[in-house]
Amino acid sequence: MDEQKKILDGLEAEQILNSEVFKKAFENLKKEYVQHWLNSVDVDGVSLREDIHKAILLLPLIEKHLRIIVEKGKLSKFQTEKLKKIK
């Protein structure tokens, strides 16, 4: 991936993370998963509870991945600016 693409992806990921709609949707999804998990009390629901638990654990990983994209974009921008100063 070229540096300009990394910068643009980083900016977009940052906008997503800072978006109130994204934050609200993320929080609502987590609450929904937890509610489903708590409401699945029957013995046959073990597999469902495990799947919901996995989904809950994935949410922070999605956010982490977006933050990594943001940081890579910032690093690419810094490196690009540094190279321009050298030339």
PDB file of N, CA and C in Angstrom:
ATOM      1  N   MET A   1       0.863  -1.180   0.000  1.00  0.00           N
ATOM      2  CA  MET A   1       0.000   0.000   0.000  1.00  0.00           C
ATOM      3  C   MET A   1       0.902   1.233   0.000  1.00  0.00           C
ATOM      4  N   ASP A   2       0.617   2.177  -0.870  1.00  0.00           N
ATOM      5  CA  ASP A   2       1.450   3.369  -0.928  1.00  0.00           C
ATOM      6  C   ASP A   2       1.146   4.294   0.260  1.00  0.00           C
ATOM      7  N   GLU A   3       2.063   5.210   0.499  1.00  0.00           N
ATOM      8  CA  GLU A   3       1.977   6.080   1.677  1.00  0.00           C
ATOM      9  C   GLU A   3       0.725   6.959   1.656  1.00  0.00           C
ATOM     10  N   GLN A   4       0.367   7.480   0.501  1.00  0.00           N
ATOM     11  CA  GLN A   4      -0.814   8.346   0.403  1.00  0.00           C
ATOM     12  C   GLN A   4      -2.087   7.577   0.777  1.00  0.00           C
ATOM     13  N   LYS A   5      -2.165   6.335   0.342  1.00  0.00           N
ATOM     14  CA  LYS A   5      -3.323   5.491   0.671  1.00  0.00           C
ATOM     15  C   LYS A   5      -3.377   5.231   2.180  1.00  0.00           C
ATOM     16  N   LYS A   6      -2.226   4.983   2.800  1.00  0.00           N
ATOM     17  CA  LYS A   6      -2.176   4.775   4.251  1.00  0.00           C
ATOM     18  C   LYS A   6      -2.651   6.019   4.994  1.00  0.00           C
ATOM     19  N   ILE A   7      -2.235   7.170   4.513  1.00  0.00           N
ATOM     20  CA  ILE A   7      -2.641   8.433   5.139  1.00  0.00           C
ATOM     21  C   ILE A   7      -4.151   8.613   5.034  1.00  0.00           C
ATOM     22  N   LEU A   8      -4.690   8.400   3.841  1.00  0.00           N
ATOM     23  CA  LEU A   8      -6.135   8.556   3.630  1.00  0.00           C
ATOM     24  C   LEU A   8      -6.936   7.533   4.440  1.00  0.00           C
ATOM     25  N   ASP A   9      -6.464   6.293   4.477  1.00  0.00           N
ATOM     26  CA  ASP A   9      -7.141   5.267   5.269  1.00  0.00           C
ATOM     27  C   ASP A   9      -7.111   5.629   6.752  1.00  0.00           C
ATOM     28  N   GLY A  10      -5.983   6.161   7.201  1.00  0.00           N
ATOM     29  CA  GLY A  10      -5.854   6.571   8.597  1.00  0.00           C
ATOM     30  C   GLY A  10      -6.827   7.676   8.956  1.00  0.00           C
ATOM     31  N   LEU A  11      -6.955   8.643   8.063  1.00  0.00           N
ATOM     32  CA  LEU A  11      -7.904   9.741   8.296  1.00  0.00           C
ATOM     33  C   LEU A  11      -9.342   9.225   8.331  1.00  0.00           C
ATOM     34  N   GLU A  12      -9.654   8.314   7.420  1.00  0.00           N
ATOM     35  CA  GLU A  12     -11.003   7.759   7.383  1.00  0.00           C
ATOM     36  C   GLU A  12     -11.297   6.937   8.642  1.00  0.00           C
ATOM     37  N   ALA A  13     -10.328   6.126   9.061  1.00  0.00           N
ATOM     38  CA  ALA A  13     -10.503   5.323  10.275  1.00  0.00           C
ATOM     39  C   ALA A  13     -10.690   6.224  11.494  1.00  0.00           C
ATOM     40  N   GLU A  14      -9.960   7.322  11.533  1.00  0.00           N
ATOM     41  CA  GLU A  14     -10.091   8.262  12.650  1.00  0.00           C
ATOM     42  C   GLU A  14     -11.478   8.902  12.655  1.00  0.00           C
ATOM     43  N   GLN A  15     -11.972   9.255  11.474  1.00  0.00           N
ATOM     44  CA  GLN A  15     -13.324   9.819  11.381  1.00  0.00           C
ATOM     45  C   GLN A  15     -14.367   8.814  11.867  1.00  0.00           C
ATOM     46  N   ILE A  16     -14.176   7.558  11.513  1.00  0.00           N
ATOM     47  CA  ILE A  16     -15.104   6.511  11.950  1.00  0.00           C
ATOM     48  C   ILE A  16     -15.082   6.397  13.467  1.00  0.00           C
ATOM     49  N   LEU A  17     -13.884   6.304  14.040  1.00  0.00           N
ATOM     50  CA  LEU A  17     -13.770   6.155  15.488  1.00  0.00           C
ATOM     51  C   LEU A  17     -14.340   7.351  16.245  1.00  0.00           C
ATOM     52  N   ASN A  18     -14.234   8.538  15.662  1.00  0.00           N
ATOM     53  CA  ASN A  18     -14.727   9.746  16.321  1.00  0.00           C
ATOM     54  C   ASN A  18     -16.199  10.026  16.029  1.00  0.00           C
ATOM     55  N   SER A  19     -16.782   9.272  15.139  1.00  0.00           N
ATOM     56  CA  SER A  19     -18.178   9.469  14.755  1.00  0.00           C
ATOM     57  C   SER A  19     -19.113   9.090  15.904  1.00  0.00           C
ATOM     58  N   GLU A  20     -20.020   9.995  16.236  1.00  0.00           N
ATOM     59  CA  GLU A  20     -20.995   9.712  17.290  1.00  0.00           C
ATOM     60  C   GLU A  20     -21.915   8.559  16.883  1.00  0.00           C
ATOM     61  N   VAL A  21     -22.229   8.474  15.600  1.00  0.00           N
ATOM     62  CA  VAL A  21     -23.071   7.385  15.108  1.00  0.00           C
ATOM     63  C   VAL A  21     -22.361   6.045  15.314  1.00  0.00           C
ATOM     64  N   PHE A  22     -21.078   5.990  14.975  1.00  0.00           N
ATOM     65  CA  PHE A  22     -20.311   4.760  15.163  1.00  0.00           C
ATOM     66  C   PHE A  22     -20.232   4.400  16.638  1.00  0.00           C
ATOM     67  N   LYS A  23     -19.923   5.368  17.477  1.00  0.00           N
ATOM     68  CA  LYS A  23     -19.823   5.115  18.917  1.00  0.00           C
ATOM     69  C   LYS A  23     -21.139   4.581  19.472  1.00  0.00           C
ATOM     70  N   LYS A  24     -22.231   5.208  19.060  1.00  0.00           N
ATOM     71  CA  LYS A  24     -23.549   4.793  19.537  1.00  0.00           C
ATOM     72  C   LYS A  24     -23.886   3.387  19.029  1.00  0.00           C
ATOM     73  N   ALA A  25     -23.618   3.142  17.759  1.00  0.00           N
ATOM     74  CA  ALA A  25     -23.905   1.823  17.184  1.00  0.00           C
ATOM     75  C   ALA A  25     -23.077   0.739  17.867  1.00  0.00           C
ATOM     76  N   PHE A  26     -21.814   1.032  18.126  1.00  0.00           N
ATOM     77  CA  PHE A  26     -20.916   0.085  18.781  1.00  0.00           C
ATOM     78  C   PHE A  26     -21.414  -0.234  20.186  1.00  0.00           C
ATOM     79  N   GLU A  27     -21.785   0.803  20.920  1.00  0.00           N
ATOM     80  CA  GLU A  27     -22.271   0.628  22.282  1.00  0.00           C
ATOM     81  C   GLU A  27     -23.604  -0.129  22.289  1.00  0.00           C
ATOM     82  N   ASN A  28     -24.496   0.218  21.372  1.00  0.00           N
ATOM     83  CA  ASN A  28     -25.785  -0.474  21.281  1.00  0.00           C
ATOM     84  C   ASN A  28     -25.609  -1.952  20.930  1.00  0.00           C
ATOM     85  N   LEU A  29     -24.678  -2.232  20.035  1.00  0.00           N
ATOM     86  CA  LEU A  29     -24.419  -3.612  19.646  1.00  0.00           C
ATOM     87  C   LEU A  29     -23.900  -4.410  20.844  1.00  0.00           C
ATOM     88  N   LYS A  30     -22.986  -3.815  21.584  1.00  0.00           N
ATOM     89  CA  LYS A  30     -22.456  -4.496  22.769  1.00  0.00           C
ATOM     90  C   LYS A  30     -23.574  -4.759  23.777  1.00  0.00           C
ATOM     91  N   LYS A  31     -24.409  -3.774  24.033  1.00  0.00           N
ATOM     92  CA  LYS A  31     -25.523  -3.953  24.965  1.00  0.00           C
ATOM     93  C   LYS A  31     -26.482  -5.041  24.479  1.00  0.00           C
ATOM     94  N   GLU A  32     -26.736  -5.041  23.169  1.00  0.00           N
ATOM     95  CA  GLU A  32     -27.624  -6.048  22.597  1.00  0.00           C
ATOM     96  C   GLU A  32     -27.047  -7.451  22.773  1.00  0.00           C
ATOM     97  N   TYR A  33     -25.760  -7.606  22.484  1.00  0.00           N
ATOM     98  CA  TYR A  33     -25.103  -8.900  22.666  1.00  0.00           C
ATOM     99  C   TYR A  33     -25.185  -9.355  24.118  1.00  0.00           C
ATOM    100  N   VAL A  34     -24.886  -8.451  25.038  1.00  0.00           N
ATOM    101  CA  VAL A  34     -24.925  -8.803  26.460  1.00  0.00           C
ATOM    102  C   VAL A  34     -26.342  -9.200  26.865  1.00  0.00           C
ATOM    103  N   GLN A  35     -27.331  -8.462  26.379  1.00  0.00           N
ATOM    104  CA  GLN A  35     -28.719  -8.777  26.712  1.00  0.00           C
ATOM    105  C   GLN A  35     -29.123 -10.151  26.179  1.00  0.00           C
ATOM    106  N   HIS A  36     -28.738 -10.462  24.953  1.00  0.00           N
ATOM    107  CA  HIS A  36     -29.022 -11.788  24.391  1.00  0.00           C
ATOM    108  C   HIS A  36     -28.325 -12.872  25.213  1.00  0.00           C
ATOM    109  N   TRP A  37     -27.093 -12.585  25.609  1.00  0.00           N
ATOM    110  CA  TRP A  37     -26.306 -13.533  26.392  1.00  0.00           C
ATOM    111  C   TRP A  37     -26.991 -13.804  27.731  1.00  0.00           C
ATOM    112  N   LEU A  38     -27.451 -12.744  28.383  1.00  0.00           N
ATOM    113  CA  LEU A  38     -28.116 -12.890  29.679  1.00  0.00           C
ATOM    114  C   LEU A  38     -29.469 -13.585  29.560  1.00  0.00           C
ATOM    115  N   ASN A  39     -30.147 -13.393  28.445  1.00  0.00           N
ATOM    116  CA  ASN A  39     -31.473 -13.968  28.248  1.00  0.00           C
ATOM    117  C   ASN A  39     -31.451 -15.413  27.762  1.00  0.00           C
ATOM    118  N   SER A  40     -30.303 -15.918  27.396  1.00  0.00           N
ATOM    119  CA  SER A  40     -30.214 -17.301  26.894  1.00  0.00           C
ATOM    120  C   SER A  40     -29.929 -18.228  28.077  1.00  0.00           C
ATOM    121  N   VAL A  41     -30.981 -18.615  28.764  1.00  0.00           N
ATOM    122  CA  VAL A  41     -30.821 -19.382  30.003  1.00  0.00           C
ATOM    123  C   VAL A  41     -31.066 -20.878  29.846  1.00  0.00           C
ATOM    124  N   ASP A  42     -31.641 -21.299  28.728  1.00  0.00           N
ATOM    125  CA  ASP A  42     -31.927 -22.721  28.595  1.00  0.00           C
ATOM    126  C   ASP A  42     -30.654 -23.526  28.352  1.00  0.00           C
ATOM    127  N   VAL A  43     -30.707 -24.787  28.681  1.00  0.00           N
ATOM    128  CA  VAL A  43     -29.546 -25.668  28.566  1.00  0.00           C
ATOM    129  C   VAL A  43     -29.079 -25.778  27.124  1.00  0.00           C
ATOM    130  N   ASP A  44     -30.015 -25.760  26.192  1.00  0.00           N
ATOM    131  CA  ASP A  44     -29.659 -25.889  24.776  1.00  0.00           C
ATOM    132  C   ASP A  44     -28.996 -24.623  24.225  1.00  0.00           C
ATOM    133  N   GLY A  45     -28.968 -23.570  25.010  1.00  0.00           N
ATOM    134  CA  GLY A  45     -28.415 -22.306  24.553  1.00  0.00           C
ATOM    135  C   GLY A  45     -26.923 -22.140  24.791  1.00  0.00           C
ATOM    136  N   VAL A  46     -26.251 -23.200  25.208  1.00  0.00           N
ATOM    137  CA  VAL A  46     -24.815 -23.102  25.508  1.00  0.00           C
ATOM    138  C   VAL A  46     -24.038 -22.647  24.279  1.00  0.00           C
ATOM    139  N   SER A  47     -24.298 -23.250  23.149  1.00  0.00           N
ATOM    140  CA  SER A  47     -23.598 -22.883  21.920  1.00  0.00           C
ATOM    141  C   SER A  47     -23.887 -21.422  21.544  1.00  0.00           C
ATOM    142  N   LEU A  48     -25.135 -21.018  21.698  1.00  0.00           N
ATOM    143  CA  LEU A  48     -25.509 -19.635  21.404  1.00  0.00           C
ATOM    144  C   LEU A  48     -24.777 -18.672  22.324  1.00  0.00           C
ATOM    145  N   ARG A  49     -24.728 -19.000  23.626  1.00  0.00           N
ATOM    146  CA  ARG A  49     -24.021 -18.129  24.583  1.00  0.00           C
ATOM    147  C   ARG A  49     -22.538 -18.030  24.244  1.00  0.00           C
ATOM    148  N   GLU A  50     -21.949 -19.130  23.844  1.00  0.00           N
ATOM    149  CA  GLU A  50     -20.537 -19.115  23.458  1.00  0.00           C
ATOM    150  C   GLU A  50     -20.313 -18.232  22.232  1.00  0.00           C
ATOM    151  N   ASP A  51     -21.206 -18.323  21.269  1.00  0.00           N
ATOM    152  CA  ASP A  51     -21.096 -17.491  20.062  1.00  0.00           C
ATOM    153  C   ASP A  51     -21.251 -16.013  20.399  1.00  0.00           C
ATOM    154  N   ILE A  52     -22.207 -15.706  21.265  1.00  0.00           N
ATOM    155  CA  ILE A  52     -22.419 -14.311  21.671  1.00  0.00           C
ATOM    156  C   ILE A  52     -21.197 -13.804  22.436  1.00  0.00           C
ATOM    157  N   HIS A  53     -20.648 -14.652  23.299  1.00  0.00           N
ATOM    158  CA  HIS A  53     -19.450 -14.268  24.057  1.00  0.00           C
ATOM    159  C   HIS A  53     -18.287 -13.953  23.111  1.00  0.00           C
ATOM    160  N   LYS A  54     -18.123 -14.779  22.096  1.00  0.00           N
ATOM    161  CA  LYS A  54     -17.072 -14.533  21.097  1.00  0.00           C
ATOM    162  C   LYS A  54     -17.309 -13.203  20.384  1.00  0.00           C
ATOM    163  N   ALA A  55     -18.562 -12.926  20.050  1.00  0.00           N
ATOM    164  CA  ALA A  55     -18.892 -11.667  19.370  1.00  0.00           C
ATOM    165  C   ALA A  55     -18.572 -10.473  20.260  1.00  0.00           C
ATOM    166  N   ILE A  56     -18.874 -10.590  21.545  1.00  0.00           N
ATOM    167  CA  ILE A  56     -18.564  -9.512  22.491  1.00  0.00           C
ATOM    168  C   ILE A  56     -17.059  -9.286  22.562  1.00  0.00           C
ATOM    169  N   LEU A  57     -16.294 -10.372  22.566  1.00  0.00           N
ATOM    170  CA  LEU A  57     -14.835 -10.253  22.626  1.00  0.00           C
ATOM    171  C   LEU A  57     -14.242  -9.685  21.344  1.00  0.00           C
ATOM    172  N   LEU A  58     -14.943  -9.824  20.228  1.00  0.00           N
ATOM    173  CA  LEU A  58     -14.447  -9.299  18.949  1.00  0.00           C
ATOM    174  C   LEU A  58     -14.582  -7.776  18.842  1.00  0.00           C
ATOM    175  N   LEU A  59     -15.545  -7.215  19.541  1.00  0.00           N
ATOM    176  CA  LEU A  59     -15.780  -5.771  19.420  1.00  0.00           C
ATOM    177  C   LEU A  59     -14.529  -4.930  19.717  1.00  0.00           C
ATOM    178  N   PRO A  60     -13.825  -5.172  20.828  1.00  0.00           N
ATOM    179  CA  PRO A  60     -12.615  -4.378  21.068  1.00  0.00           C
ATOM    180  C   PRO A  60     -11.525  -4.607  20.012  1.00  0.00           C
ATOM    181  N   LEU A  61     -11.503  -5.792  19.422  1.00  0.00           N
ATOM    182  CA  LEU A  61     -10.502  -6.065  18.384  1.00  0.00           C
ATOM    183  C   LEU A  61     -10.769  -5.243  17.128  1.00  0.00           C
ATOM    184  N   ILE A  62     -12.038  -5.034  16.818  1.00  0.00           N
ATOM    185  CA  ILE A  62     -12.395  -4.200  15.668  1.00  0.00           C
ATOM    186  C   ILE A  62     -11.927  -2.770  15.913  1.00  0.00           C
ATOM    187  N   GLU A  63     -12.212  -2.272  17.116  1.00  0.00           N
ATOM    188  CA  GLU A  63     -11.788  -0.915  17.463  1.00  0.00           C
ATOM    189  C   GLU A  63     -10.261  -0.805  17.442  1.00  0.00           C
ATOM    190  N   LYS A  64      -9.588  -1.812  17.963  1.00  0.00           N
ATOM    191  CA  LYS A  64      -8.120  -1.826  17.969  1.00  0.00           C
ATOM    192  C   LYS A  64      -7.573  -1.771  16.542  1.00  0.00           C
ATOM    193  N   HIS A  65      -8.179  -2.544  15.648  1.00  0.00           N
ATOM    194  CA  HIS A  65      -7.715  -2.567  14.253  1.00  0.00           C
ATOM    195  C   HIS A  65      -7.861  -1.188  13.605  1.00  0.00           C
ATOM    196  N   LEU A  66      -8.972  -0.525  13.877  1.00  0.00           N
ATOM    197  CA  LEU A  66      -9.166   0.833  13.348  1.00  0.00           C
ATOM    198  C   LEU A  66      -8.115   1.785  13.912  1.00  0.00           C
ATOM    199  N   ARG A  67      -7.794   1.649  15.195  1.00  0.00           N
ATOM    200  CA  ARG A  67      -6.771   2.511  15.809  1.00  0.00           C
ATOM    201  C   ARG A  67      -5.390   2.261  15.198  1.00  0.00           C
ATOM    202  N   ILE A  68      -5.117   1.019  14.863  1.00  0.00           N
ATOM    203  CA  ILE A  68      -3.844   0.695  14.203  1.00  0.00           C
ATOM    204  C   ILE A  68      -3.772   1.379  12.842  1.00  0.00           C
ATOM    205  N   ILE A  69      -4.868   1.361  12.096  1.00  0.00           N
ATOM    206  CA  ILE A  69      -4.908   2.028  10.791  1.00  0.00           C
ATOM    207  C   ILE A  69      -4.666   3.532  10.961  1.00  0.00           C
ATOM    208  N   VAL A  70      -5.267   4.121  12.006  1.00  0.00           N
ATOM    209  CA  VAL A  70      -5.069   5.548  12.290  1.00  0.00           C
ATOM    210  C   VAL A  70      -3.589   5.820  12.537  1.00  0.00           C
ATOM    211  N   GLU A  71      -2.972   5.021  13.385  1.00  0.00           N
ATOM    212  CA  GLU A  71      -1.561   5.242  13.730  1.00  0.00           C
ATOM    213  C   GLU A  71      -0.637   5.034  12.530  1.00  0.00           C
ATOM    214  N   LYS A  72      -0.933   4.041  11.705  1.00  0.00           N
ATOM    215  CA  LYS A  72      -0.127   3.831  10.498  1.00  0.00           C
ATOM    216  C   LYS A  72      -0.253   5.033   9.564  1.00  0.00           C
ATOM    217  N   GLY A  73      -1.446   5.589   9.466  1.00  0.00           N
ATOM    218  CA  GLY A  73      -1.657   6.778   8.643  1.00  0.00           C
ATOM    219  C   GLY A  73      -0.871   7.967   9.169  1.00  0.00           C
ATOM    220  N   LYS A  74      -0.876   8.161  10.479  1.00  0.00           N
ATOM    221  CA  LYS A  74      -0.122   9.264  11.084  1.00  0.00           C
ATOM    222  C   LYS A  74       1.375   9.075  10.865  1.00  0.00           C
ATOM    223  N   LEU A  75       1.835   7.848  11.011  1.00  0.00           N
ATOM    224  CA  LEU A  75       3.252   7.559  10.794  1.00  0.00           C
ATOM    225  C   LEU A  75       3.639   7.808   9.337  1.00  0.00           C
ATOM    226  N   SER A  76       2.800   7.375   8.414  1.00  0.00           N
ATOM    227  CA  SER A  76       3.081   7.604   6.991  1.00  0.00           C
ATOM    228  C   SER A  76       3.112   9.096   6.675  1.00  0.00           C
ATOM    229  N   LYS A  77       2.184   9.840   7.265  1.00  0.00           N
ATOM    230  CA  LYS A  77       2.155  11.287   7.042  1.00  0.00           C
ATOM    231  C   LYS A  77       3.425  11.930   7.571  1.00  0.00           C
ATOM    232  N   PHE A  78       3.852  11.532   8.758  1.00  0.00           N
ATOM    233  CA  PHE A  78       5.074  12.062   9.353  1.00  0.00           C
ATOM    234  C   PHE A  78       6.284  11.746   8.479  1.00  0.00           C
ATOM    235  N   GLN A  79       6.377  10.503   8.013  1.00  0.00           N
ATOM    236  CA  GLN A  79       7.507  10.094   7.176  1.00  0.00           C
ATOM    237  C   GLN A  79       7.512  10.832   5.849  1.00  0.00           C
ATOM    238  N   THR A  80       6.335  11.009   5.261  1.00  0.00           N
ATOM    239  CA  THR A  80       6.227  11.721   3.987  1.00  0.00           C
ATOM    240  C   THR A  80       6.658  13.172   4.150  1.00  0.00           C
ATOM    241  N   GLU A  81       6.208  13.818   5.219  1.00  0.00           N
ATOM    242  CA  GLU A  81       6.589  15.207   5.475  1.00  0.00           C
ATOM    243  C   GLU A  81       8.082  15.331   5.744  1.00  0.00           C
ATOM    244  N   LYS A  82       8.628  14.361   6.449  1.00  0.00           N
ATOM    245  CA  LYS A  82      10.063  14.373   6.746  1.00  0.00           C
ATOM    246  C   LYS A  82      10.878  14.235   5.468  1.00  0.00           C
ATOM    247  N   LEU A  83      10.435  13.368   4.560  1.00  0.00           N
ATOM    248  CA  LEU A  83      11.128  13.187   3.291  1.00  0.00           C
ATOM    249  C   LEU A  83      11.062  14.447   2.427  1.00  0.00           C
ATOM    250  N   LYS A  84       9.934  15.157   2.482  1.00  0.00           N
ATOM    251  CA  LYS A  84       9.800  16.392   1.707  1.00  0.00           C
ATOM    252  C   LYS A  84      10.769  17.447   2.204  1.00  0.00           C
ATOM    253  N   LYS A  85      11.006  17.491   3.504  1.00  0.00           N
ATOM    254  CA  LYS A  85      11.938  18.470   4.074  1.00  0.00           C
ATOM    255  C   LYS A  85      13.374  18.167   3.683  1.00  0.00           C
ATOM    256  N   ILE A  86      13.689  16.887   3.534  1.00  0.00           N
ATOM    257  CA  ILE A  86      15.050  16.489   3.183  1.00  0.00           C
ATOM    258  C   ILE A  86      15.365  16.859   1.738  1.00  0.00           C
ATOM    259  N   LYS A  87      14.381  16.769   0.866  1.00  0.00           N
ATOM    260  CA  LYS A  87      14.605  17.025  -0.564  1.00  0.00           C
ATOM    261  C   LYS A  87      14.758  18.453  -0.855  1.00  0.00           C
TER     262      LYS A  87
END
